[in-house]
Amino acid sequence: MWFFIGILIGALVLGFIWWLKHKNLHLTWYEWLIGAVGLILLVFTLQNFMGSFEEVESKAAYMFLLVTGLPSLILLALTWQLAARRLSKA
């Protein structure tokens, strides 16, 4: 299952890069870095959330959502806002 999730994430990132090139948009290095850290943290959260539920540890699963899932969503939203504000100024 994780093999297919990796393929899906790779395809989405590749499609996103192609879309950026098609629209002639450019992201700065720190926007890429923050977005990559947010995406890696989100995948880490999903893996640990599912693993904790398989081991019948629902409290640990929900703590993973809170402790690592929320910061991953904040990082992804920050990346989106940085890019949107910079592109709207141009």
C-alpha atoms as a PDB file:
ATOM      1  CA  MET A   1       0.000   0.000   0.000  1.00  0.00           C
ATOM      2  CA  TRP A   2       2.791   2.465   0.849  1.00  0.00           C
ATOM      3  CA  PHE A   3       4.424   1.770  -2.503  1.00  0.00           C
ATOM      4  CA  PHE A   4       1.298   3.053  -4.257  1.00  0.00           C
ATOM      5  CA  ILE A   5       1.076   6.045  -1.935  1.00  0.00           C
ATOM      6  CA  GLY A   6       4.680   6.889  -2.857  1.00  0.00           C
ATOM      7  CA  ILE A   7       3.861   6.611  -6.557  1.00  0.00           C
ATOM      8  CA  LEU A   8       0.797   8.828  -6.061  1.00  0.00           C
ATOM      9  CA  ILE A   9       2.773  11.485  -4.177  1.00  0.00           C
ATOM     10  CA  GLY A  10       5.512  11.411  -6.821  1.00  0.00           C
ATOM     11  CA  ALA A  11       2.947  11.826  -9.593  1.00  0.00           C
ATOM     12  CA  LEU A  12       1.287  14.726  -7.772  1.00  0.00           C
ATOM     13  CA  VAL A  13       4.604  16.511  -7.215  1.00  0.00           C
ATOM     14  CA  LEU A  14       5.590  15.988 -10.835  1.00  0.00           C
ATOM     15  CA  GLY A  15       2.213  17.291 -12.016  1.00  0.00           C
ATOM     16  CA  PHE A  16       2.575  20.300  -9.735  1.00  0.00           C
ATOM     17  CA  ILE A  17       6.021  21.091 -11.153  1.00  0.00           C
ATOM     18  CA  TRP A  18       4.741  20.765 -14.712  1.00  0.00           C
ATOM     19  CA  TRP A  19       1.802  23.034 -13.874  1.00  0.00           C
ATOM     20  CA  LEU A  20       4.170  25.650 -12.418  1.00  0.00           C
ATOM     21  CA  LYS A  21       6.308  25.573 -15.560  1.00  0.00           C
ATOM     22  CA  HIS A  22       3.229  25.762 -17.805  1.00  0.00           C
ATOM     23  CA  LYS A  23       1.957  28.832 -15.926  1.00  0.00           C
ATOM     24  CA  ASN A  24       5.511  30.266 -15.825  1.00  0.00           C
ATOM     25  CA  LEU A  25       5.454  30.547 -12.031  1.00  0.00           C
ATOM     26  CA  HIS A  26       8.534  30.241  -9.843  1.00  0.00           C
ATOM     27  CA  LEU A  27       8.771  29.396  -6.145  1.00  0.00           C
ATOM     28  CA  THR A  28      11.664  30.456  -3.940  1.00  0.00           C
ATOM     29  CA  TRP A  29      13.924  27.909  -2.276  1.00  0.00           C
ATOM     30  CA  TYR A  30      12.405  28.385   1.159  1.00  0.00           C
ATOM     31  CA  GLU A  31       8.881  27.844  -0.185  1.00  0.00           C
ATOM     32  CA  TRP A  32      10.051  24.523  -1.633  1.00  0.00           C
ATOM     33  CA  LEU A  33      11.760  23.613   1.658  1.00  0.00           C
ATOM     34  CA  ILE A  34       8.790  24.456   3.871  1.00  0.00           C
ATOM     35  CA  GLY A  35       6.440  22.618   1.505  1.00  0.00           C
ATOM     36  CA  ALA A  36       8.649  19.517   1.401  1.00  0.00           C
ATOM     37  CA  VAL A  37       8.959  19.415   5.200  1.00  0.00           C
ATOM     38  CA  GLY A  38       5.179  19.815   5.511  1.00  0.00           C
ATOM     39  CA  LEU A  39       4.526  17.028   3.003  1.00  0.00           C
ATOM     40  CA  ILE A  40       7.010  14.647   4.649  1.00  0.00           C
ATOM     41  CA  LEU A  41       5.511  15.385   8.055  1.00  0.00           C
ATOM     42  CA  LEU A  42       2.004  14.763   6.707  1.00  0.00           C
ATOM     43  CA  VAL A  43       2.988  11.369   5.261  1.00  0.00           C
ATOM     44  CA  PHE A  44       4.742  10.521   8.547  1.00  0.00           C
ATOM     45  CA  THR A  45       1.567  11.426  10.428  1.00  0.00           C
ATOM     46  CA  LEU A  46      -0.651   9.290   8.206  1.00  0.00           C
ATOM     47  CA  GLN A  47       1.651   6.284   8.516  1.00  0.00           C
ATOM     48  CA  ASN A  48       1.823   6.507  12.297  1.00  0.00           C
ATOM     49  CA  PHE A  49      -1.900   7.213  12.604  1.00  0.00           C
ATOM     50  CA  MET A  50      -2.777   4.096  10.636  1.00  0.00           C
ATOM     51  CA  GLY A  51      -0.147   2.004  12.430  1.00  0.00           C
ATOM     52  CA  SER A  52      -1.421   3.044  15.845  1.00  0.00           C
ATOM     53  CA  PHE A  53      -4.987   2.142  14.918  1.00  0.00           C
ATOM     54  CA  GLU A  54      -3.856  -1.270  13.643  1.00  0.00           C
ATOM     55  CA  GLU A  55      -2.252  -1.876  17.038  1.00  0.00           C
ATOM     56  CA  VAL A  56      -5.485  -0.793  18.785  1.00  0.00           C
ATOM     57  CA  GLU A  57      -3.887   2.291  20.312  1.00  0.00           C
ATOM     58  CA  SER A  58      -6.494   4.887  19.435  1.00  0.00           C
ATOM     59  CA  LYS A  59      -5.261   7.478  21.961  1.00  0.00           C
ATOM     60  CA  ALA A  60      -1.758   7.362  20.471  1.00  0.00           C
ATOM     61  CA  ALA A  61      -3.250   7.641  16.971  1.00  0.00           C
ATOM     62  CA  TYR A  62      -5.143  10.795  17.872  1.00  0.00           C
ATOM     63  CA  MET A  63      -2.091  12.256  19.608  1.00  0.00           C
ATOM     64  CA  PHE A  64      -0.122  11.761  16.373  1.00  0.00           C
ATOM     65  CA  LEU A  65      -2.786  13.726  14.544  1.00  0.00           C
ATOM     66  CA  LEU A  66      -2.466  16.542  17.051  1.00  0.00           C
ATOM     67  CA  VAL A  67       1.305  16.599  17.574  1.00  0.00           C
ATOM     68  CA  THR A  68       2.555  16.010  14.010  1.00  0.00           C
ATOM     69  CA  GLY A  69      -0.529  16.422  11.821  1.00  0.00           C
ATOM     70  CA  LEU A  70      -1.423  19.925  12.871  1.00  0.00           C
ATOM     71  CA  PRO A  71       2.100  21.328  12.323  1.00  0.00           C
ATOM     72  CA  SER A  72       2.229  19.667   8.896  1.00  0.00           C
ATOM     73  CA  LEU A  73      -0.988  21.379   7.866  1.00  0.00           C
ATOM     74  CA  ILE A  74       0.302  24.694   9.233  1.00  0.00           C
ATOM     75  CA  LEU A  75       3.527  24.344   7.212  1.00  0.00           C
ATOM     76  CA  LEU A  76       1.611  23.517   4.031  1.00  0.00           C
ATOM     77  CA  ALA A  77      -0.745  26.454   4.569  1.00  0.00           C
ATOM     78  CA  LEU A  78       2.237  28.736   5.224  1.00  0.00           C
ATOM     79  CA  THR A  79       3.830  27.652   1.957  1.00  0.00           C
ATOM     80  CA  TRP A  80       0.609  28.315   0.074  1.00  0.00           C
ATOM     81  CA  GLN A  81       0.211  31.766   1.647  1.00  0.00           C
ATOM     82  CA  LEU A  82       3.827  32.771   0.974  1.00  0.00           C
ATOM     83  CA  ALA A  83       3.532  31.796  -2.676  1.00  0.00           C
ATOM     84  CA  ALA A  84       0.090  33.365  -3.115  1.00  0.00           C
ATOM     85  CA  ARG A  85       1.115  36.690  -1.585  1.00  0.00           C
ATOM     86  CA  ARG A  86       4.344  36.895  -3.567  1.00  0.00           C
ATOM     87  CA  LEU A  87       2.599  36.045  -6.837  1.00  0.00           C
ATOM     88  CA  SER A  88      -0.235  38.510  -6.234  1.00  0.00           C
ATOM     89  CA  LYS A  89       2.304  41.352  -5.845  1.00  0.00           C
ATOM     90  CA  ALA A  90       3.843  40.577  -9.237  1.00  0.00           C
END
